[in-house]
Each structure stands twice: as structure tokens, then as C-alpha cells.
Amino acid sequence: MCGGGKQPEVVRTDPKAEADAAAAEAAQKANQSTAARKRVQQASALSTGAGTALSYGKTTLGQ
């Protein structure tokens, strides 16, 4: 009569699935930060006058 109760369940994990989930999460965070940097860079370029060709009604820079 030692212990008496149920034995604890063994938690089994799949290391490959955990690695895949971690990689997917890291990729998502990297994509979000890249998109944020691009938005800031684009807004900065437009505010400095890099987008002046658009204000003259041109649709391309070369024509």
C-alpha cells in the first residue's frame, strides 16, 4: 500500500513538431518586422520628396 493513487501520466512531445512550430513562429515575426521596416522606409522616402514624380501626374519615373 505504497502511494495508493494513480501514477502520473507521461507527457510525450514530438521534437520535430515543436521545431516546425518554432520555425513558423520565427518566420512570421521576421516577416512582420520586415513589413514594418518597409512601411517606415516608404513613408520616409515619400516625405523627403522621393515621390515628387507622382505629384506631377507621372505614372513612371522614366517617361
N, C-alpha and C. Protein backbone atom coordinates (compact mmCIF):
# COMPACT_ATOMS: atom_id res chain seq x y z
N MET A 1 0.82 -1.18 0.00
CA MET A 1 0.00 0.00 0.00
C MET A 1 0.87 1.25 0.00
N CYS A 2 1.73 1.25 -0.91
CA CYS A 2 2.66 2.37 -1.04
C CYS A 2 2.15 3.35 -2.09
N GLY A 3 1.82 4.54 -1.72
CA GLY A 3 1.39 5.57 -2.67
C GLY A 3 -0.09 5.53 -2.97
N GLY A 4 -0.61 4.42 -3.29
CA GLY A 4 -2.03 4.23 -3.44
C GLY A 4 -2.69 4.81 -4.68
N GLY A 5 -2.41 5.99 -5.16
CA GLY A 5 -3.17 6.61 -6.24
C GLY A 5 -2.70 6.23 -7.63
N LYS A 6 -3.20 6.98 -8.60
CA LYS A 6 -2.80 6.75 -9.98
C LYS A 6 -1.38 7.25 -10.20
N GLN A 7 -0.71 6.63 -11.11
CA GLN A 7 0.62 7.10 -11.47
C GLN A 7 0.48 8.30 -12.40
N PRO A 8 1.40 9.24 -12.34
CA PRO A 8 1.31 10.41 -13.22
C PRO A 8 1.46 10.01 -14.68
N GLU A 9 0.73 10.71 -15.54
CA GLU A 9 0.81 10.42 -16.96
C GLU A 9 2.12 10.95 -17.51
N VAL A 10 2.67 10.23 -18.45
CA VAL A 10 3.91 10.65 -19.09
C VAL A 10 3.54 11.56 -20.25
N VAL A 11 4.11 12.76 -20.25
CA VAL A 11 3.85 13.71 -21.32
C VAL A 11 4.86 13.46 -22.42
N ARG A 12 4.35 13.15 -23.59
CA ARG A 12 5.23 12.89 -24.72
C ARG A 12 5.08 14.01 -25.73
N THR A 13 6.20 14.49 -26.19
CA THR A 13 6.18 15.55 -27.18
C THR A 13 6.92 15.10 -28.43
N ASP A 14 6.60 15.73 -29.51
CA ASP A 14 7.26 15.44 -30.78
C ASP A 14 8.25 16.57 -31.05
N PRO A 15 9.54 16.30 -30.92
CA PRO A 15 10.54 17.36 -31.12
C PRO A 15 10.47 17.98 -32.52
N LYS A 16 10.16 17.19 -33.54
CA LYS A 16 10.07 17.71 -34.91
C LYS A 16 8.92 18.69 -35.02
N ALA A 17 7.78 18.35 -34.43
CA ALA A 17 6.62 19.24 -34.48
C ALA A 17 6.90 20.53 -33.72
N GLU A 18 7.57 20.42 -32.58
CA GLU A 18 7.92 21.62 -31.81
C GLU A 18 8.88 22.50 -32.59
N ALA A 19 9.85 21.89 -33.26
CA ALA A 19 10.82 22.66 -34.05
C ALA A 19 10.13 23.33 -35.23
N ASP A 20 9.21 22.63 -35.88
CA ASP A 20 8.47 23.21 -37.00
C ASP A 20 7.61 24.39 -36.54
N ALA A 21 6.96 24.24 -35.40
CA ALA A 21 6.13 25.33 -34.88
C ALA A 21 6.98 26.53 -34.51
N ALA A 22 8.13 26.29 -33.91
CA ALA A 22 9.02 27.39 -33.55
C ALA A 22 9.56 28.09 -34.79
N ALA A 23 9.88 27.33 -35.82
CA ALA A 23 10.38 27.93 -37.07
C ALA A 23 9.29 28.76 -37.74
N ALA A 24 8.07 28.27 -37.73
CA ALA A 24 6.96 29.01 -38.32
C ALA A 24 6.71 30.31 -37.57
N GLU A 25 6.77 30.26 -36.26
CA GLU A 25 6.57 31.46 -35.45
C GLU A 25 7.69 32.47 -35.69
N ALA A 26 8.92 32.00 -35.79
CA ALA A 26 10.05 32.89 -36.05
C ALA A 26 9.94 33.54 -37.42
N ALA A 27 9.51 32.77 -38.41
CA ALA A 27 9.34 33.32 -39.75
C ALA A 27 8.24 34.37 -39.78
N GLN A 28 7.17 34.12 -39.06
CA GLN A 28 6.07 35.09 -39.01
C GLN A 28 6.53 36.40 -38.36
N LYS A 29 7.28 36.30 -37.26
CA LYS A 29 7.77 37.51 -36.61
C LYS A 29 8.75 38.26 -37.49
N ALA A 30 9.60 37.53 -38.21
CA ALA A 30 10.56 38.17 -39.12
C ALA A 30 9.82 38.88 -40.25
N ASN A 31 8.79 38.25 -40.78
CA ASN A 31 8.02 38.88 -41.85
C ASN A 31 7.31 40.14 -41.36
N GLN A 32 6.80 40.10 -40.14
CA GLN A 32 6.13 41.28 -39.59
C GLN A 32 7.10 42.43 -39.41
N SER A 33 8.29 42.14 -38.89
CA SER A 33 9.25 43.22 -38.68
C SER A 33 9.76 43.76 -40.00
N THR A 34 9.93 42.89 -41.00
CA THR A 34 10.36 43.36 -42.32
C THR A 34 9.29 44.25 -42.94
N ALA A 35 8.05 43.87 -42.83
CA ALA A 35 6.96 44.68 -43.38
C ALA A 35 6.89 46.02 -42.68
N ALA A 36 7.09 46.05 -41.38
CA ALA A 36 7.06 47.31 -40.64
C ALA A 36 8.20 48.22 -41.08
N ARG A 37 9.40 47.64 -41.26
CA ARG A 37 10.53 48.45 -41.72
C ARG A 37 10.28 49.01 -43.12
N LYS A 38 9.69 48.21 -43.99
CA LYS A 38 9.40 48.68 -45.35
C LYS A 38 8.38 49.81 -45.34
N ARG A 39 7.37 49.71 -44.47
CA ARG A 39 6.37 50.78 -44.38
C ARG A 39 7.02 52.07 -43.91
N VAL A 40 7.88 51.97 -42.91
CA VAL A 40 8.55 53.16 -42.39
C VAL A 40 9.47 53.75 -43.45
N GLN A 41 10.21 52.91 -44.14
CA GLN A 41 11.13 53.38 -45.17
C GLN A 41 10.37 54.04 -46.31
N GLN A 42 9.27 53.45 -46.73
CA GLN A 42 8.48 54.02 -47.81
C GLN A 42 7.90 55.36 -47.40
N ALA A 43 7.37 55.44 -46.20
CA ALA A 43 6.82 56.70 -45.72
C ALA A 43 7.90 57.76 -45.63
N SER A 44 9.09 57.36 -45.20
CA SER A 44 10.20 58.30 -45.09
C SER A 44 10.61 58.80 -46.47
N ALA A 45 10.71 57.91 -47.45
CA ALA A 45 11.11 58.30 -48.80
C ALA A 45 10.09 59.25 -49.41
N LEU A 46 8.82 58.99 -49.18
CA LEU A 46 7.80 59.86 -49.74
C LEU A 46 7.79 61.22 -49.07
N SER A 47 8.09 61.26 -47.78
CA SER A 47 8.06 62.54 -47.08
C SER A 47 9.28 63.40 -47.41
N THR A 48 10.36 62.81 -47.93
CA THR A 48 11.55 63.58 -48.28
C THR A 48 11.52 64.07 -49.71
N GLY A 49 10.49 63.74 -50.47
CA GLY A 49 10.38 64.23 -51.83
C GLY A 49 10.75 63.20 -52.87
N ALA A 50 11.04 61.99 -52.49
CA ALA A 50 11.37 60.96 -53.46
C ALA A 50 10.17 60.62 -54.32
N GLY A 51 9.00 60.94 -53.86
CA GLY A 51 7.79 60.65 -54.63
C GLY A 51 7.28 61.84 -55.42
N THR A 52 8.13 62.82 -55.73
CA THR A 52 7.66 64.02 -56.43
C THR A 52 7.21 63.74 -57.84
N ALA A 53 7.72 62.70 -58.48
CA ALA A 53 7.27 62.37 -59.83
C ALA A 53 5.78 62.07 -59.84
N LEU A 54 5.29 61.51 -58.77
CA LEU A 54 3.86 61.21 -58.70
C LEU A 54 3.02 62.47 -58.58
N SER A 55 3.57 63.52 -57.99
CA SER A 55 2.80 64.75 -57.82
C SER A 55 2.65 65.50 -59.14
N TYR A 56 3.46 65.17 -60.15
CA TYR A 56 3.35 65.81 -61.46
C TYR A 56 2.47 65.01 -62.40
N GLY A 57 1.83 63.98 -61.91
CA GLY A 57 0.92 63.20 -62.72
C GLY A 57 1.59 62.10 -63.49
N LYS A 58 2.87 61.86 -63.26
CA LYS A 58 3.57 60.80 -63.96
C LYS A 58 3.29 59.46 -63.28
N THR A 59 3.21 58.43 -64.09
CA THR A 59 2.99 57.11 -63.53
C THR A 59 4.29 56.32 -63.46
N THR A 60 5.29 56.74 -64.24
CA THR A 60 6.60 56.09 -64.18
C THR A 60 7.66 57.16 -64.05
N LEU A 61 8.81 56.80 -63.56
CA LEU A 61 9.87 57.79 -63.36
C LEU A 61 10.61 58.11 -64.66
N GLY A 62 10.67 57.20 -65.61
CA GLY A 62 11.46 57.40 -66.81
C GLY A 62 10.76 58.12 -67.94
N GLN A 63 9.48 58.32 -67.87
CA GLN A 63 8.77 58.91 -69.03
C GLN A 63 8.09 60.19 -68.67
